[in-house]
Amino acid sequence: MSLADRLRRRFARPPELVRAAVLASADPDERVLAWGELVRGEGWLAATSRGLRRVPAGLALDAAGDVGVLPWHEVGSARWSATADGGGSFTVVPLAEVEPGVQARQPAQRHVLADAGDLPAVVRRRVDQTVVDSRRSPLPGGGTVLLVARRVPGQAAREWTVVFDDDADRDDPTSREVARQKLADALAAERPD
């Protein structure tokens, strides 16, 4: 991509359907930060101030409010693999709360982009900004758990959660208790009496 193409892209307005999805958001302050065009004319992957949105190309304008958002603090990981032509693919692993203080990795979502623009840099920055602290800790059965503190919009305090590397450990009572204690220790260290 030439310098002129990059400048043109930088100052271009987001596609109409991307703008419509964000305008229909419940958050009046949400704005588009970057977007990439999906392959085969499937639509766009947009990074907004709230999170990631996949906007289909065939979306009717009156259905723009139905485009969901994956909030930044629920992105477990986002891996970018670039191609030489300015495209590439994102593999995004969302997190879901399965009980208070415990998140589980959801199936990976793959987004193949024909033109990524500034999207990879914006996604990396936004995900990194939500993570305040992370620590990997061993569990008794040989597994590990990730303790993570994230900034959550609308909350003054950061939110600590545990993410088990293996779902089987999450089902093991001993591992659950050890993880619960590690989470309690992290919270106590943050809020000493």
N, C-alpha and C. Protein backbone atom coordinates (compact mmCIF):
# COMPACT_ATOMS: atom_id res chain seq x y z
N MET A 1 0.85 -1.17 0.00
CA MET A 1 0.00 0.00 0.00
C MET A 1 0.90 1.23 0.00
N SER A 2 0.64 2.14 -0.91
CA SER A 2 1.46 3.34 -1.03
C SER A 2 1.14 4.32 0.10
N LEU A 3 2.00 5.30 0.26
CA LEU A 3 1.80 6.32 1.28
C LEU A 3 0.51 7.09 1.00
N ALA A 4 0.25 7.39 -0.26
CA ALA A 4 -0.99 8.10 -0.62
C ALA A 4 -2.21 7.27 -0.25
N ASP A 5 -2.16 5.95 -0.49
CA ASP A 5 -3.27 5.08 -0.14
C ASP A 5 -3.47 5.04 1.38
N ARG A 6 -2.38 5.03 2.11
CA ARG A 6 -2.47 5.01 3.57
C ARG A 6 -3.09 6.30 4.10
N LEU A 7 -2.67 7.42 3.54
CA LEU A 7 -3.24 8.71 3.97
C LEU A 7 -4.72 8.79 3.61
N ARG A 8 -5.08 8.34 2.42
CA ARG A 8 -6.47 8.35 2.01
C ARG A 8 -7.30 7.48 2.95
N ARG A 9 -6.77 6.33 3.28
CA ARG A 9 -7.47 5.40 4.19
C ARG A 9 -7.61 6.01 5.58
N ARG A 10 -6.56 6.67 6.03
CA ARG A 10 -6.55 7.25 7.38
C ARG A 10 -7.64 8.30 7.56
N PHE A 11 -7.89 9.07 6.51
CA PHE A 11 -8.86 10.15 6.62
C PHE A 11 -10.21 9.81 6.00
N ALA A 12 -10.39 8.59 5.57
CA ALA A 12 -11.66 8.16 4.98
C ALA A 12 -12.71 7.96 6.07
N ARG A 13 -13.94 8.15 5.68
CA ARG A 13 -15.05 7.86 6.60
C ARG A 13 -15.32 6.37 6.59
N PRO A 14 -15.76 5.83 7.73
CA PRO A 14 -16.12 4.41 7.76
C PRO A 14 -17.27 4.14 6.79
N PRO A 15 -17.39 2.91 6.31
CA PRO A 15 -18.51 2.56 5.44
C PRO A 15 -19.86 2.88 6.12
N GLU A 16 -20.86 3.17 5.31
CA GLU A 16 -22.17 3.58 5.82
C GLU A 16 -22.76 2.58 6.81
N LEU A 17 -22.66 1.28 6.53
CA LEU A 17 -23.24 0.29 7.43
C LEU A 17 -22.50 0.23 8.76
N VAL A 18 -21.20 0.45 8.74
CA VAL A 18 -20.43 0.49 9.99
C VAL A 18 -20.89 1.69 10.81
N ARG A 19 -21.01 2.85 10.17
CA ARG A 19 -21.49 4.05 10.88
C ARG A 19 -22.89 3.82 11.44
N ALA A 20 -23.76 3.18 10.65
CA ALA A 20 -25.14 2.94 11.09
C ALA A 20 -25.18 2.03 12.31
N ALA A 21 -24.35 0.99 12.33
CA ALA A 21 -24.32 0.07 13.47
C ALA A 21 -23.88 0.79 14.74
N VAL A 22 -22.92 1.67 14.62
CA VAL A 22 -22.43 2.41 15.79
C VAL A 22 -23.44 3.48 16.21
N LEU A 23 -24.07 4.14 15.26
CA LEU A 23 -25.09 5.14 15.60
C LEU A 23 -26.29 4.51 16.30
N ALA A 24 -26.57 3.24 16.01
CA ALA A 24 -27.70 2.54 16.62
C ALA A 24 -27.34 1.98 18.00
N SER A 25 -26.12 2.16 18.43
CA SER A 25 -25.66 1.64 19.70
C SER A 25 -26.40 2.27 20.87
N ALA A 26 -26.49 1.53 21.96
CA ALA A 26 -27.07 2.06 23.20
C ALA A 26 -26.16 3.10 23.84
N ASP A 27 -24.89 3.10 23.46
CA ASP A 27 -23.92 4.04 24.00
C ASP A 27 -23.80 5.22 23.04
N PRO A 28 -24.33 6.38 23.40
CA PRO A 28 -24.29 7.53 22.48
C PRO A 28 -22.87 8.05 22.23
N ASP A 29 -21.92 7.66 23.06
CA ASP A 29 -20.54 8.12 22.90
C ASP A 29 -19.68 7.16 22.10
N GLU A 30 -20.24 6.03 21.68
CA GLU A 30 -19.45 5.06 20.91
C GLU A 30 -19.03 5.67 19.57
N ARG A 31 -17.79 5.41 19.18
CA ARG A 31 -17.31 5.93 17.89
C ARG A 31 -16.43 4.88 17.21
N VAL A 32 -16.34 4.97 15.90
CA VAL A 32 -15.52 4.06 15.11
C VAL A 32 -14.07 4.51 15.20
N LEU A 33 -13.18 3.57 15.52
CA LEU A 33 -11.75 3.86 15.62
C LEU A 33 -10.99 3.37 14.39
N ALA A 34 -11.38 2.20 13.88
CA ALA A 34 -10.73 1.61 12.70
C ALA A 34 -11.63 0.51 12.17
N TRP A 35 -11.42 0.15 10.92
CA TRP A 35 -12.19 -0.94 10.35
C TRP A 35 -11.36 -1.62 9.27
N GLY A 36 -11.73 -2.85 9.00
CA GLY A 36 -11.09 -3.60 7.94
C GLY A 36 -12.17 -4.26 7.10
N GLU A 37 -11.90 -4.40 5.83
CA GLU A 37 -12.87 -5.02 4.92
C GLU A 37 -12.67 -6.53 4.91
N LEU A 38 -13.75 -7.26 5.16
CA LEU A 38 -13.70 -8.72 5.14
C LEU A 38 -13.60 -9.23 3.70
N VAL A 39 -13.03 -10.41 3.53
CA VAL A 39 -12.89 -10.99 2.19
C VAL A 39 -14.25 -11.30 1.57
N ARG A 40 -14.25 -11.47 0.28
CA ARG A 40 -15.43 -11.86 -0.50
C ARG A 40 -16.62 -10.93 -0.27
N GLY A 41 -16.36 -9.67 0.06
CA GLY A 41 -17.44 -8.71 0.23
C GLY A 41 -18.39 -9.04 1.37
N GLU A 42 -17.89 -9.76 2.40
CA GLU A 42 -18.74 -10.19 3.52
C GLU A 42 -19.11 -9.05 4.46
N GLY A 43 -18.41 -7.94 4.38
CA GLY A 43 -18.70 -6.83 5.28
C GLY A 43 -17.42 -6.27 5.87
N TRP A 44 -17.49 -5.88 7.16
CA TRP A 44 -16.37 -5.20 7.81
C TRP A 44 -16.23 -5.69 9.24
N LEU A 45 -15.01 -5.65 9.72
CA LEU A 45 -14.72 -5.83 11.14
C LEU A 45 -14.33 -4.45 11.63
N ALA A 46 -15.06 -3.94 12.60
CA ALA A 46 -14.83 -2.58 13.08
C ALA A 46 -14.43 -2.58 14.54
N ALA A 47 -13.41 -1.77 14.84
CA ALA A 47 -13.01 -1.51 16.22
C ALA A 47 -13.65 -0.19 16.61
N THR A 48 -14.41 -0.23 17.70
CA THR A 48 -15.05 1.00 18.18
C THR A 48 -14.53 1.29 19.58
N SER A 49 -14.97 2.37 20.13
CA SER A 49 -14.56 2.71 21.49
C SER A 49 -15.09 1.68 22.50
N ARG A 50 -16.12 0.90 22.15
CA ARG A 50 -16.68 -0.11 23.04
C ARG A 50 -16.10 -1.49 22.83
N GLY A 51 -15.76 -1.85 21.57
CA GLY A 51 -15.28 -3.20 21.31
C GLY A 51 -15.25 -3.50 19.82
N LEU A 52 -15.32 -4.78 19.50
CA LEU A 52 -15.28 -5.23 18.10
C LEU A 52 -16.70 -5.51 17.60
N ARG A 53 -16.95 -5.07 16.37
CA ARG A 53 -18.24 -5.34 15.72
C ARG A 53 -17.96 -5.94 14.35
N ARG A 54 -18.67 -7.02 14.03
CA ARG A 54 -18.62 -7.60 12.68
C ARG A 54 -19.91 -7.17 11.99
N VAL A 55 -19.77 -6.32 10.99
CA VAL A 55 -20.92 -5.73 10.30
C VAL A 55 -21.06 -6.41 8.94
N PRO A 56 -22.15 -7.17 8.73
CA PRO A 56 -22.33 -7.86 7.45
C PRO A 56 -22.65 -6.88 6.32
N ALA A 57 -22.18 -7.20 5.12
CA ALA A 57 -22.39 -6.33 3.96
C ALA A 57 -23.85 -6.23 3.59
N GLY A 58 -24.62 -7.28 3.78
CA GLY A 58 -26.03 -7.27 3.38
C GLY A 58 -26.98 -6.76 4.45
N LEU A 59 -26.46 -6.09 5.45
CA LEU A 59 -27.26 -5.60 6.56
C LEU A 59 -28.24 -4.52 6.11
N ALA A 60 -29.49 -4.67 6.47
CA ALA A 60 -30.47 -3.63 6.20
C ALA A 60 -30.26 -2.50 7.21
N LEU A 61 -30.37 -1.28 6.78
CA LEU A 61 -30.12 -0.14 7.67
C LEU A 61 -31.02 -0.18 8.91
N ASP A 62 -32.26 -0.64 8.76
CA ASP A 62 -33.15 -0.68 9.92
C ASP A 62 -32.78 -1.81 10.89
N ALA A 63 -31.83 -2.67 10.52
CA ALA A 63 -31.37 -3.74 11.40
C ALA A 63 -29.98 -3.43 11.99
N ALA A 64 -29.51 -2.22 11.78
CA ALA A 64 -28.17 -1.85 12.25
C ALA A 64 -28.01 -2.00 13.76
N GLY A 65 -29.09 -1.82 14.50
CA GLY A 65 -29.03 -1.96 15.95
C GLY A 65 -28.85 -3.39 16.41
N ASP A 66 -28.99 -4.35 15.49
CA ASP A 66 -28.85 -5.77 15.84
C ASP A 66 -27.40 -6.26 15.79
N VAL A 67 -26.49 -5.42 15.31
CA VAL A 67 -25.08 -5.82 15.21
C VAL A 67 -24.49 -5.79 16.61
N GLY A 68 -24.08 -6.95 17.08
CA GLY A 68 -23.54 -7.05 18.44
C GLY A 68 -22.13 -6.51 18.55
N VAL A 69 -21.72 -6.30 19.78
CA VAL A 69 -20.37 -5.82 20.05
C VAL A 69 -19.73 -6.75 21.07
N LEU A 70 -18.47 -7.08 20.84
CA LEU A 70 -17.67 -7.83 21.80
C LEU A 70 -16.86 -6.80 22.57
N PRO A 71 -17.25 -6.50 23.83
CA PRO A 71 -16.54 -5.47 24.59
C PRO A 71 -15.05 -5.81 24.76
N TRP A 72 -14.23 -4.78 24.76
CA TRP A 72 -12.78 -4.98 24.87
C TRP A 72 -12.39 -5.82 26.07
N HIS A 73 -13.04 -5.62 27.21
CA HIS A 73 -12.67 -6.37 28.42
C HIS A 73 -13.10 -7.84 28.36
N GLU A 74 -13.84 -8.23 27.31
CA GLU A 74 -14.22 -9.64 27.13
C GLU A 74 -13.42 -10.31 26.01
N VAL A 75 -12.38 -9.65 25.53
CA VAL A 75 -11.50 -10.24 24.53
C VAL A 75 -10.36 -10.92 25.28
N GLY A 76 -10.34 -12.25 25.22
CA GLY A 76 -9.28 -13.00 25.89
C GLY A 76 -7.97 -12.90 25.15
N SER A 77 -8.05 -12.98 23.82
CA SER A 77 -6.87 -12.80 22.97
C SER A 77 -7.33 -12.44 21.57
N ALA A 78 -6.46 -11.74 20.86
CA ALA A 78 -6.71 -11.38 19.46
C ALA A 78 -5.38 -11.50 18.74
N ARG A 79 -5.25 -12.52 17.92
CA ARG A 79 -3.99 -12.75 17.18
C ARG A 79 -4.17 -12.31 15.74
N TRP A 80 -3.22 -11.53 15.27
CA TRP A 80 -3.24 -11.02 13.90
C TRP A 80 -2.18 -11.74 13.09
N SER A 81 -2.56 -12.21 11.93
CA SER A 81 -1.63 -12.84 10.99
C SER A 81 -1.77 -12.10 9.67
N ALA A 82 -0.75 -11.33 9.31
CA ALA A 82 -0.81 -10.47 8.12
C ALA A 82 -0.41 -11.23 6.86
N THR A 83 -0.94 -10.75 5.75
CA THR A 83 -0.52 -11.23 4.43
C THR A 83 0.17 -10.07 3.73
N ALA A 84 0.90 -10.35 2.68
CA ALA A 84 1.69 -9.33 1.99
C ALA A 84 0.84 -8.29 1.27
N ASP A 85 -0.44 -8.59 1.03
CA ASP A 85 -1.28 -7.67 0.26
C ASP A 85 -2.07 -6.67 1.10
N GLY A 86 -1.77 -6.55 2.39
CA GLY A 86 -2.48 -5.61 3.26
C GLY A 86 -3.64 -6.23 4.01
N GLY A 87 -3.89 -7.49 3.76
CA GLY A 87 -4.95 -8.20 4.47
C GLY A 87 -4.37 -9.11 5.53
N GLY A 88 -5.15 -10.11 5.91
CA GLY A 88 -4.70 -11.06 6.91
C GLY A 88 -5.90 -11.60 7.66
N SER A 89 -5.64 -12.19 8.82
CA SER A 89 -6.76 -12.72 9.60
C SER A 89 -6.54 -12.46 11.09
N PHE A 90 -7.66 -12.20 11.74
CA PHE A 90 -7.71 -12.08 13.19
C PHE A 90 -8.33 -13.35 13.73
N THR A 91 -7.73 -13.90 14.76
CA THR A 91 -8.34 -14.98 15.51
C THR A 91 -8.61 -14.40 16.89
N VAL A 92 -9.88 -14.23 17.20
CA VAL A 92 -10.31 -13.59 18.44
C VAL A 92 -10.94 -14.64 19.34
N VAL A 93 -10.49 -14.69 20.59
CA VAL A 93 -11.05 -15.62 21.57
C VAL A 93 -11.81 -14.79 22.61
N PRO A 94 -13.14 -14.84 22.56
CA PRO A 94 -13.93 -14.12 23.54
C PRO A 94 -13.95 -14.85 24.89
N LEU A 95 -14.21 -14.10 25.94
CA LEU A 95 -14.38 -14.67 27.27
C LEU A 95 -15.82 -14.49 27.70
N ALA A 96 -16.33 -15.44 28.48
CA ALA A 96 -17.67 -15.33 29.03
C ALA A 96 -17.61 -15.68 30.51
N GLU A 97 -18.34 -14.91 31.30
CA GLU A 97 -18.39 -15.20 32.73
C GLU A 97 -19.26 -16.43 32.95
N VAL A 98 -18.69 -17.44 33.61
CA VAL A 98 -19.43 -18.67 33.88
C VAL A 98 -19.93 -18.73 35.32
N GLU A 99 -19.33 -17.92 36.16
CA GLU A 99 -19.77 -17.73 37.54
C GLU A 99 -19.02 -16.50 38.04
N PRO A 100 -19.46 -15.90 39.13
CA PRO A 100 -18.77 -14.69 39.59
C PRO A 100 -17.27 -14.90 39.76
N GLY A 101 -16.50 -14.07 39.08
CA GLY A 101 -15.05 -14.12 39.19
C GLY A 101 -14.36 -15.15 38.31
N VAL A 102 -15.14 -15.94 37.56
CA VAL A 102 -14.56 -16.98 36.71
C VAL A 102 -15.02 -16.77 35.27
N GLN A 103 -14.06 -16.68 34.36
CA GLN A 103 -14.37 -16.55 32.94
C GLN A 103 -13.86 -17.79 32.21
N ALA A 104 -14.56 -18.14 31.14
CA ALA A 104 -14.15 -19.27 30.31
C ALA A 104 -13.91 -18.78 28.89
N ARG A 105 -12.92 -19.37 28.25
CA ARG A 105 -12.66 -19.04 26.85
C ARG A 105 -13.77 -19.63 25.99
N GLN A 106 -14.26 -18.85 25.06
CA GLN A 106 -15.29 -19.29 24.12
C GLN A 106 -14.60 -19.73 22.82
N PRO A 107 -15.33 -20.37 21.93
CA PRO A 107 -14.71 -20.77 20.66
C PRO A 107 -14.13 -19.57 19.92
N ALA A 108 -12.98 -19.79 19.32
CA ALA A 108 -12.30 -18.72 18.57
C ALA A 108 -13.14 -18.28 17.38
N GLN A 109 -13.11 -16.99 17.11
CA GLN A 109 -13.77 -16.41 15.95
C GLN A 109 -12.68 -15.98 14.99
N ARG A 110 -12.80 -16.39 13.74
CA ARG A 110 -11.78 -16.03 12.74
C ARG A 110 -12.38 -15.03 11.77
N HIS A 111 -11.69 -13.92 11.59
CA HIS A 111 -12.12 -12.86 10.69
C HIS A 111 -11.02 -12.68 9.64
N VAL A 112 -11.32 -13.00 8.39
CA VAL A 112 -10.33 -12.89 7.31
C VAL A 112 -10.58 -11.56 6.59
N LEU A 113 -9.54 -10.75 6.53
CA LEU A 113 -9.66 -9.40 5.98
C LEU A 113 -8.90 -9.25 4.67
N ALA A 114 -9.56 -8.61 3.71
CA ALA A 114 -8.90 -8.28 2.44
C ALA A 114 -8.05 -7.03 2.61
N ASP A 115 -8.52 -6.11 3.46
CA ASP A 115 -7.82 -4.85 3.73
C ASP A 115 -7.98 -4.56 5.21
N ALA A 116 -6.87 -4.56 5.94
CA ALA A 116 -6.93 -4.40 7.39
C ALA A 116 -6.84 -2.95 7.83
N GLY A 117 -6.24 -2.09 7.04
CA GLY A 117 -6.07 -0.71 7.46
C GLY A 117 -5.33 -0.64 8.79
N ASP A 118 -5.81 0.22 9.69
CA ASP A 118 -5.20 0.39 11.01
C ASP A 118 -5.77 -0.56 12.05
N LEU A 119 -6.65 -1.44 11.64
CA LEU A 119 -7.35 -2.31 12.59
C LEU A 119 -6.42 -3.12 13.51
N PRO A 120 -5.38 -3.80 12.99
CA PRO A 120 -4.54 -4.59 13.91
C PRO A 120 -3.92 -3.76 15.04
N ALA A 121 -3.41 -2.59 14.73
CA ALA A 121 -2.79 -1.75 15.77
C ALA A 121 -3.83 -1.27 16.78
N VAL A 122 -5.00 -0.90 16.31
CA VAL A 122 -6.05 -0.40 17.21
C VAL A 122 -6.54 -1.53 18.12
N VAL A 123 -6.76 -2.71 17.57
CA VAL A 123 -7.21 -3.84 18.38
C VAL A 123 -6.17 -4.16 19.45
N ARG A 124 -4.92 -4.25 19.07
CA ARG A 124 -3.86 -4.56 20.04
C ARG A 124 -3.84 -3.53 21.17
N ARG A 125 -3.89 -2.25 20.80
CA ARG A 125 -3.84 -1.18 21.81
C ARG A 125 -5.04 -1.26 22.75
N ARG A 126 -6.23 -1.46 22.20
CA ARG A 126 -7.45 -1.50 23.02
C ARG A 126 -7.46 -2.70 23.96
N VAL A 127 -7.07 -3.86 23.48
CA VAL A 127 -7.03 -5.04 24.35
C VAL A 127 -5.98 -4.84 25.44
N ASP A 128 -4.81 -4.36 25.06
CA ASP A 128 -3.75 -4.12 26.05
C ASP A 128 -4.18 -3.10 27.10
N GLN A 129 -4.94 -2.09 26.71
CA GLN A 129 -5.36 -1.06 27.66
C GLN A 129 -6.35 -1.58 28.70
N THR A 130 -7.07 -2.64 28.38
CA THR A 130 -8.01 -3.17 29.37
C THR A 130 -7.30 -4.01 30.43
N VAL A 131 -6.19 -4.64 30.07
CA VAL A 131 -5.49 -5.53 31.00
C VAL A 131 -4.55 -4.69 31.87
N VAL A 132 -4.85 -4.67 33.17
CA VAL A 132 -4.04 -3.92 34.12
C VAL A 132 -2.95 -4.80 34.71
N ASP A 133 -3.30 -6.06 34.95
CA ASP A 133 -2.35 -7.00 35.56
C ASP A 133 -2.77 -8.41 35.13
N SER A 134 -1.81 -9.28 34.94
CA SER A 134 -2.12 -10.69 34.69
C SER A 134 -1.00 -11.54 35.26
N ARG A 135 -1.40 -12.66 35.84
CA ARG A 135 -0.45 -13.58 36.48
C ARG A 135 -0.89 -15.00 36.20
N ARG A 136 0.04 -15.80 35.76
CA ARG A 136 -0.25 -17.22 35.56
C ARG A 136 0.20 -17.95 36.83
N SER A 137 -0.67 -18.83 37.34
CA SER A 137 -0.37 -19.55 38.58
C SER A 137 -0.60 -21.04 38.38
N PRO A 138 0.25 -21.86 38.99
CA PRO A 138 0.07 -23.31 38.88
C PRO A 138 -1.09 -23.80 39.74
N LEU A 139 -1.66 -24.91 39.33
CA LEU A 139 -2.70 -25.59 40.10
C LEU A 139 -2.16 -26.94 40.56
N PRO A 140 -2.77 -27.52 41.59
CA PRO A 140 -2.24 -28.77 42.16
C PRO A 140 -2.12 -29.93 41.16
N GLY A 141 -3.04 -30.06 40.22
CA GLY A 141 -3.02 -31.18 39.29
C GLY A 141 -2.08 -31.00 38.11
N GLY A 142 -1.30 -29.92 38.10
CA GLY A 142 -0.38 -29.67 37.01
C GLY A 142 -0.86 -28.63 36.02
N GLY A 143 -2.13 -28.25 36.10
CA GLY A 143 -2.66 -27.22 35.21
C GLY A 143 -2.29 -25.83 35.69
N THR A 144 -2.77 -24.84 34.98
CA THR A 144 -2.52 -23.46 35.38
C THR A 144 -3.80 -22.63 35.23
N VAL A 145 -3.79 -21.52 35.92
CA VAL A 145 -4.89 -20.58 35.87
C VAL A 145 -4.30 -19.19 35.65
N LEU A 146 -5.02 -18.38 34.90
CA LEU A 146 -4.61 -17.01 34.65
C LEU A 146 -5.46 -16.08 35.50
N LEU A 147 -4.81 -15.31 36.36
CA LEU A 147 -5.49 -14.29 37.16
C LEU A 147 -5.32 -12.99 36.39
N VAL A 148 -6.42 -12.31 36.12
CA VAL A 148 -6.36 -11.13 35.28
C VAL A 148 -7.17 -10.00 35.90
N ALA A 149 -6.59 -8.81 35.94
CA ALA A 149 -7.30 -7.61 36.38
C ALA A 149 -7.52 -6.75 35.14
N ARG A 150 -8.77 -6.36 34.92
CA ARG A 150 -9.12 -5.57 33.74
C ARG A 150 -9.87 -4.31 34.13
N ARG A 151 -9.70 -3.30 33.28
CA ARG A 151 -10.53 -2.10 33.37
C ARG A 151 -11.85 -2.41 32.68
N VAL A 152 -12.94 -2.15 33.36
CA VAL A 152 -14.26 -2.36 32.78
C VAL A 152 -14.94 -1.00 32.71
N PRO A 153 -15.43 -0.61 31.54
CA PRO A 153 -16.08 0.69 31.42
C PRO A 153 -17.22 0.85 32.43
N GLY A 154 -17.27 2.01 33.04
CA GLY A 154 -18.33 2.30 34.00
C GLY A 154 -18.04 1.83 35.41
N GLN A 155 -16.89 1.18 35.62
CA GLN A 155 -16.52 0.73 36.96
C GLN A 155 -15.25 1.44 37.39
N ALA A 156 -15.26 1.96 38.61
CA ALA A 156 -14.08 2.65 39.12
C ALA A 156 -12.95 1.67 39.44
N ALA A 157 -13.30 0.55 40.06
CA ALA A 157 -12.28 -0.43 40.45
C ALA A 157 -12.03 -1.40 39.30
N ARG A 158 -10.80 -1.88 39.22
CA ARG A 158 -10.53 -2.90 38.21
C ARG A 158 -11.16 -4.22 38.66
N GLU A 159 -11.45 -5.07 37.71
CA GLU A 159 -12.14 -6.33 37.99
C GLU A 159 -11.17 -7.49 37.83
N TRP A 160 -11.03 -8.29 38.90
CA TRP A 160 -10.18 -9.47 38.86
C TRP A 160 -11.02 -10.69 38.50
N THR A 161 -10.49 -11.53 37.63
CA THR A 161 -11.14 -12.79 37.29
C THR A 161 -10.07 -13.86 37.12
N VAL A 162 -10.53 -15.11 37.12
CA VAL A 162 -9.64 -16.23 36.82
C VAL A 162 -10.12 -16.88 35.54
N VAL A 163 -9.16 -17.32 34.74
CA VAL A 163 -9.45 -18.06 33.51
C VAL A 163 -8.62 -19.33 33.58
N PHE A 164 -9.30 -20.48 33.64
CA PHE A 164 -8.61 -21.76 33.67
C PHE A 164 -8.09 -22.08 32.28
N ASP A 165 -6.85 -22.58 32.21
CA ASP A 165 -6.30 -22.97 30.91
C ASP A 165 -6.97 -24.22 30.37
N ASP A 166 -7.49 -25.05 31.27
CA ASP A 166 -8.15 -26.28 30.87
C ASP A 166 -9.51 -26.35 31.59
N ASP A 167 -10.57 -26.55 30.83
CA ASP A 167 -11.91 -26.61 31.42
C ASP A 167 -12.03 -27.73 32.45
N ALA A 168 -11.25 -28.79 32.29
CA ALA A 168 -11.30 -29.90 33.25
C ALA A 168 -10.85 -29.43 34.63
N ASP A 169 -9.87 -28.53 34.68
CA ASP A 169 -9.44 -27.99 35.98
C ASP A 169 -10.56 -27.17 36.62
N ARG A 170 -11.33 -26.47 35.80
CA ARG A 170 -12.43 -25.66 36.33
C ARG A 170 -13.48 -26.57 36.99
N ASP A 171 -13.59 -27.80 36.51
CA ASP A 171 -14.56 -28.74 37.07
C ASP A 171 -14.02 -29.51 38.27
N ASP A 172 -12.72 -29.42 38.52
CA ASP A 172 -12.09 -30.12 39.64
C ASP A 172 -12.23 -29.30 40.92
N PRO A 173 -12.88 -29.86 41.97
CA PRO A 173 -13.11 -29.10 43.21
C PRO A 173 -11.82 -28.56 43.85
N THR A 174 -10.75 -29.35 43.84
CA THR A 174 -9.50 -28.90 44.45
C THR A 174 -8.92 -27.73 43.66
N SER A 175 -8.88 -27.84 42.35
CA SER A 175 -8.35 -26.75 41.52
C SER A 175 -9.20 -25.50 41.66
N ARG A 176 -10.51 -25.68 41.73
CA ARG A 176 -11.41 -24.52 41.90
C ARG A 176 -11.13 -23.80 43.20
N GLU A 177 -10.92 -24.57 44.26
CA GLU A 177 -10.67 -23.96 45.57
C GLU A 177 -9.33 -23.22 45.58
N VAL A 178 -8.31 -23.82 44.98
CA VAL A 178 -7.00 -23.16 44.90
C VAL A 178 -7.11 -21.87 44.07
N ALA A 179 -7.81 -21.95 42.96
CA ALA A 179 -7.99 -20.75 42.12
C ALA A 179 -8.77 -19.68 42.86
N ARG A 180 -9.81 -20.08 43.58
CA ARG A 180 -10.60 -19.13 44.37
C ARG A 180 -9.73 -18.44 45.41
N GLN A 181 -8.82 -19.21 46.04
CA GLN A 181 -7.93 -18.63 47.05
C GLN A 181 -6.93 -17.67 46.42
N LYS A 182 -6.41 -18.02 45.25
CA LYS A 182 -5.47 -17.14 44.54
C LYS A 182 -6.16 -15.82 44.16
N LEU A 183 -7.42 -15.92 43.75
CA LEU A 183 -8.19 -14.73 43.41
C LEU A 183 -8.41 -13.88 44.66
N ALA A 184 -8.76 -14.51 45.76
CA ALA A 184 -8.96 -13.78 47.02
C ALA A 184 -7.67 -13.11 47.47
N ASP A 185 -6.53 -13.80 47.32
CA ASP A 185 -5.23 -13.21 47.69
C ASP A 185 -4.92 -11.99 46.83
N ALA A 186 -5.21 -12.08 45.52
CA ALA A 186 -4.96 -10.94 44.62
C ALA A 186 -5.82 -9.75 45.01
N LEU A 187 -7.08 -10.01 45.33
CA LEU A 187 -7.97 -8.93 45.75
C LEU A 187 -7.54 -8.33 47.08
N ALA A 188 -7.11 -9.18 48.03
CA ALA A 188 -6.66 -8.69 49.34
C ALA A 188 -5.41 -7.84 49.20
N ALA A 189 -4.50 -8.23 48.31
CA ALA A 189 -3.26 -7.47 48.12
C ALA A 189 -3.57 -6.09 47.52
N GLU A 190 -4.63 -6.02 46.74
CA GLU A 190 -5.01 -4.75 46.10
C GLU A 190 -5.72 -3.83 47.07
N ARG A 191 -6.47 -4.42 48.00
CA ARG A 191 -7.27 -3.62 48.94
C ARG A 191 -6.89 -3.98 50.38
N PRO A 192 -5.69 -3.61 50.79
CA PRO A 192 -5.30 -3.94 52.17
C PRO A 192 -6.16 -3.17 53.19
N ASP A 193 -6.44 -3.84 54.30
CA ASP A 193 -7.28 -3.22 55.36
C ASP A 193 -6.55 -2.18 56.14
